[in-house]
Protein backbone atom coordinates (compact mmCIF):
# COMPACT_ATOMS: atom_id res chain seq x y z
CA MET A 1 35.92 16.62 -66.74
CA ASN A 2 37.65 19.01 -64.40
CA ASP A 3 38.78 17.76 -61.01
CA GLN A 4 35.99 18.77 -58.62
CA ARG A 5 36.85 16.65 -55.60
CA ASN A 6 35.24 18.12 -52.52
CA SER A 7 37.13 18.40 -49.25
CA VAL A 8 35.35 16.10 -46.80
CA ASP A 9 36.76 15.19 -43.39
CA LEU A 10 34.97 11.93 -42.61
CA ASN A 11 37.09 11.41 -39.49
CA ILE A 12 34.87 13.91 -37.70
CA VAL A 13 32.00 11.40 -37.81
CA GLU A 14 32.21 9.23 -34.71
CA GLY A 15 29.72 6.55 -33.73
CA ASN A 16 27.19 7.41 -36.44
CA ASP A 17 27.35 5.07 -39.43
CA SER A 18 24.24 6.58 -41.04
CA LEU A 19 25.72 10.06 -41.10
CA PHE A 20 29.05 8.67 -42.37
CA SER A 21 27.41 6.96 -45.37
CA TYR A 22 25.10 9.92 -46.05
CA THR A 23 28.01 12.37 -46.14
CA LEU A 24 30.17 9.99 -48.18
CA ILE A 25 27.57 9.82 -50.95
CA ARG A 26 26.15 13.33 -50.72
CA ASP A 27 29.31 15.38 -50.27
CA ALA A 28 32.09 13.21 -51.69
CA LEU A 29 30.74 10.93 -54.43
CA ILE A 30 28.04 13.11 -56.06
CA PRO A 31 30.17 16.27 -56.46
CA ASN A 32 32.93 14.16 -58.01
CA LEU A 33 30.47 12.68 -60.51
CA LEU A 34 28.69 15.91 -61.43
CA GLY A 35 31.67 18.24 -61.36
CA GLN A 36 30.97 21.92 -62.04
CA GLU A 37 27.27 21.20 -62.68
CA THR A 38 26.71 19.88 -59.15
CA ASN A 39 24.73 22.83 -57.76
CA GLU A 40 22.49 23.25 -60.80
CA ILE A 41 21.75 19.54 -61.17
CA LEU A 42 21.06 19.10 -57.45
CA TYR A 43 18.60 22.02 -57.54
CA TRP A 44 16.56 20.54 -60.37
CA ALA A 45 16.90 17.08 -58.83
CA GLY A 46 15.32 18.50 -55.68
CA LYS A 47 12.40 19.90 -57.68
CA GLU A 48 11.92 16.57 -59.45
CA LEU A 49 12.01 14.75 -56.11
CA ALA A 50 9.27 17.07 -54.84
CA ARG A 51 7.12 16.26 -57.87
CA GLN A 52 7.54 12.55 -57.13
CA TYR A 53 6.60 13.04 -53.48
CA PRO A 54 4.09 15.94 -53.35
CA LEU A 55 3.18 16.99 -49.83
CA ASN A 56 -0.14 18.45 -48.75
CA ASN A 57 1.03 21.26 -46.46
CA GLN A 58 3.95 22.93 -44.75
CA GLN A 59 3.85 20.62 -41.72
CA ASP A 60 4.21 17.56 -43.95
CA THR A 61 7.14 19.27 -45.67
CA ILE A 62 8.85 19.86 -42.33
CA LEU A 63 8.31 16.21 -41.41
CA PHE A 64 9.73 15.08 -44.78
CA PHE A 65 12.89 17.12 -44.17
CA LYS A 66 13.33 15.39 -40.82
CA LYS A 67 12.67 11.89 -42.19
CA ALA A 68 14.93 12.40 -45.22
CA GLY A 69 17.83 13.54 -43.06
CA PHE A 70 17.84 17.02 -44.59
CA GLY A 71 17.64 18.68 -41.17
CA THR A 72 15.20 20.62 -39.03
CA LEU A 73 13.16 23.09 -41.09
CA THR A 74 11.55 26.17 -39.54
CA VAL A 75 10.10 29.44 -40.84
CA ASP A 76 12.55 32.25 -40.09
CA SER A 77 10.58 35.19 -41.56
CA HIS A 78 7.70 35.86 -43.92
CA HIS A 79 7.33 38.81 -46.28
CA LYS A 80 4.90 39.72 -49.06
CA ASN A 81 6.49 37.73 -51.86
CA LYS A 82 9.30 36.11 -49.91
CA VAL A 83 9.56 33.38 -47.29
CA ILE A 84 12.81 32.56 -45.48
CA PHE A 85 13.25 29.13 -43.95
CA ARG A 86 16.03 28.07 -41.61
CA LEU A 87 17.59 24.62 -41.91
CA SER A 88 19.44 23.45 -38.81
CA GLY A 89 20.00 20.43 -36.63
CA PHE A 90 22.50 17.63 -36.15
CA VAL A 91 22.94 16.69 -39.82
CA VAL A 92 23.39 20.29 -40.98
CA GLU A 93 25.89 21.12 -38.23
CA ASN A 94 27.99 18.05 -39.03
CA ARG A 95 27.95 18.69 -42.79
CA LEU A 96 29.10 22.26 -42.18
CA ALA A 97 31.90 20.95 -39.96
CA MET A 98 33.03 18.12 -42.25
CA VAL A 99 32.64 19.60 -45.72
CA LYS A 100 34.52 22.62 -46.99
CA GLU A 101 31.76 23.78 -49.37
CA PRO A 102 28.60 21.72 -48.81
CA SER A 103 25.76 22.18 -51.27
CA PHE A 104 22.17 22.62 -50.05
CA ASN A 105 20.69 23.08 -53.52
CA LEU A 106 18.89 19.73 -53.31
CA GLU A 107 17.00 20.94 -50.25
CA ALA A 108 16.39 24.37 -51.81
CA GLY A 109 14.96 22.92 -55.02
CA PHE A 110 12.81 20.44 -53.11
CA LEU A 111 11.39 23.16 -50.86
CA ALA A 112 10.74 25.57 -53.74
CA GLU A 113 8.74 22.97 -55.68
CA GLN A 114 6.73 21.86 -52.64
CA ILE A 115 5.70 25.42 -51.75
CA GLN A 116 4.93 26.14 -55.41
CA GLN A 117 2.53 23.21 -55.57
CA GLN A 118 0.96 23.98 -52.19
CA GLU A 119 0.37 27.69 -52.80
CA SER A 120 -0.03 27.65 -56.61
CA LEU A 121 2.58 30.40 -57.04
CA TYR A 122 5.73 30.09 -59.13
CA THR A 123 8.56 29.78 -56.61
CA GLU A 124 12.35 29.63 -56.78
CA ALA A 125 14.90 29.35 -54.00
CA ILE A 126 18.46 30.21 -53.05
CA TYR A 127 20.38 29.29 -49.92
CA GLU A 128 22.94 31.01 -47.72
CA ILE A 129 25.16 29.28 -45.19
CA LYS A 130 25.31 30.87 -41.75
CA SER A 131 28.46 29.35 -40.28
CA LYS A 132 28.32 31.11 -36.90
CA ALA A 133 24.69 30.07 -36.40
CA LYS A 134 25.47 26.56 -37.70
CA SER A 135 22.46 26.72 -39.99
CA VAL A 136 21.38 27.47 -43.55
CA LEU A 137 18.85 30.07 -44.71
CA ILE A 138 16.71 29.08 -47.71
CA THR A 139 15.00 32.08 -49.28
CA LEU A 140 11.93 31.46 -51.43
CA GLN A 141 10.90 34.14 -53.93
CA GLN A 142 7.35 33.91 -55.29
CA ASP A 143 5.97 35.45 -58.48
CA THR A 144 2.53 36.86 -57.63
CA LYS A 145 2.13 38.52 -61.06
CA ASP A 146 2.20 35.29 -63.06
CA LEU A 147 -1.20 33.78 -62.29
CA SER A 148 -0.89 30.88 -64.71
CA THR A 149 -2.56 27.78 -63.34
CA ILE A 150 -0.20 25.38 -61.60
CA ALA A 151 -1.49 21.81 -61.74
CA LYS A 152 -2.26 20.31 -58.35
CA PRO A 153 -1.11 16.74 -57.63
CA ASP A 154 -3.79 14.06 -57.87
CA THR A 155 -2.55 12.45 -54.66
CA TYR A 156 -0.23 13.50 -51.86
CA PHE A 157 2.53 11.57 -50.18
CA VAL A 158 1.65 10.72 -46.58
CA PHE A 159 3.91 9.13 -43.98
CA ASN A 160 2.55 6.02 -42.27
CA GLN A 161 2.79 6.43 -38.52
CA THR A 162 4.67 3.52 -36.98
CA ASP A 163 3.54 1.72 -33.85
CA GLU A 164 6.50 3.22 -32.01
CA GLU A 165 5.47 6.74 -33.06
CA LYS A 166 1.86 6.04 -32.05
CA LEU A 167 3.03 4.82 -28.65
CA SER A 168 5.17 7.90 -28.19
CA ALA A 169 2.22 10.13 -29.12
CA ASP A 170 -0.05 8.31 -26.64
CA GLU A 171 2.53 8.58 -23.88
CA HIS A 172 2.99 12.28 -24.62
CA GLU A 173 -0.77 12.84 -24.42
CA GLU A 174 -1.00 10.87 -21.18
CA THR A 175 1.84 12.90 -19.68
CA ALA A 176 0.11 16.14 -20.68
CA LEU A 177 -3.14 15.00 -19.06
CA GLU A 178 -1.31 14.02 -15.89
CA LYS A 179 0.26 17.49 -15.82
CA LEU A 180 -3.17 19.12 -16.11
CA ASP A 181 -4.46 16.93 -13.28
CA GLU A 182 -1.49 17.94 -11.16
CA VAL A 183 -1.93 21.66 -11.80
CA PHE A 184 -5.73 21.99 -11.82
CA ALA A 185 -7.77 18.93 -10.93
CA ASP A 186 -5.79 17.68 -7.93
CA PRO A 187 -5.85 21.00 -5.98
CA VAL A 188 -9.60 21.37 -6.60
CA ALA A 189 -10.31 17.83 -5.45
CA GLN A 190 -8.18 18.38 -2.34
CA ALA A 191 -10.01 21.61 -1.52
CA ILE A 192 -13.39 19.87 -1.86
CA ASP A 193 -12.28 17.05 0.43
CA GLU A 194 -11.05 19.51 3.06
CA THR A 195 -14.31 21.48 2.90
CA VAL A 196 -16.42 18.34 3.33
CA GLU A 197 -14.31 17.28 6.32
CA GLU A 198 -14.75 20.70 7.93
CA VAL A 199 -18.52 20.60 7.46
CA LEU A 200 -18.75 17.11 8.94
CA ASP A 201 -16.61 18.16 11.93
CA GLU A 202 -18.81 21.22 12.57
CA GLN A 203 -21.97 19.11 12.42
CA ALA A 204 -20.52 16.64 14.89
CA LEU A 205 -19.48 19.47 17.21
CA GLU A 206 -22.97 21.04 17.12
CA GLU A 207 -24.55 17.72 18.00
CA GLN A 208 -22.29 17.43 21.06
CA HIS A 209 -22.62 21.10 22.11
CA PRO A 210 -25.80 22.76 20.80
CA LEU A 211 -25.36 26.49 20.25
CA LYS A 212 -27.53 28.96 22.18
CA GLU A 213 -29.96 31.03 20.15
CA GLU A 214 -28.18 34.18 19.14
CA ALA A 215 -29.62 37.60 20.03
CA PRO A 216 -30.88 39.60 17.05
CA SER A 217 -28.36 41.98 15.60
CA VAL A 218 -28.99 45.72 15.73
CA PHE A 219 -28.64 45.71 11.95
CA ASP A 220 -31.70 43.47 11.68
CA GLU A 221 -33.85 46.45 12.71
CA TRP A 222 -32.51 48.67 9.95
CA PRO A 223 -34.70 48.94 6.89
CA SER A 224 -33.11 47.84 3.64
CA ARG A 225 -32.60 50.26 0.76
CA SER A 226 -35.50 48.65 -1.02
CA ALA A 227 -37.73 49.22 2.01
CA LYS A 228 -36.81 52.94 2.06
CA HIS A 229 -37.69 53.32 -1.58
CA LYS A 230 -41.02 51.61 -1.02
CA LYS A 231 -41.95 54.05 1.73
CA LYS A 232 -41.26 56.94 -0.61
């Protein structure tokens, strides 16, 4: 086997043991074991991983990327037969900084297989590192001419929401409701209170100082437009 040791500067990792171990295995050990076949094997390994953990939709796929430590996945652009995703975030930025030639074929293969199963279109992927943007573009190419049936998974992988995540979601919802109260409900309630107070003050003032009967206005003698029409 040819020497395929990857250049990895693990000294850059400070105070993050999880990232240290992830990079050690992903970017140092695996390339040394697989050698020149690293990119190809990682791509098909990603597709096999997607078949083991089929996801129901794009949002679940994005969540899986986050949970797996792949990075933050977003849709960059969408064309007729092509979809471009952007992979970014803390893990991606650090891998780009620490590793001379990091491979993202595992993520590309995983994403291609997930989208293929979700949309029932044969899909392949390639990636391109954007060093200045500290991100990776994963381009998916779909074959709309081959309409062969792609088998759908019998069941989908679903993340169980932890109590901590549920609490965070509840707190977020409560905060949003408080913000709505602050912007809309509170000013309305205050206006109603002020109006009621004004009415009560006017009633009290009238009881103390009854108003004299007002003289009829000159406009009261003018016939309305409806009255004019009736005369005609």
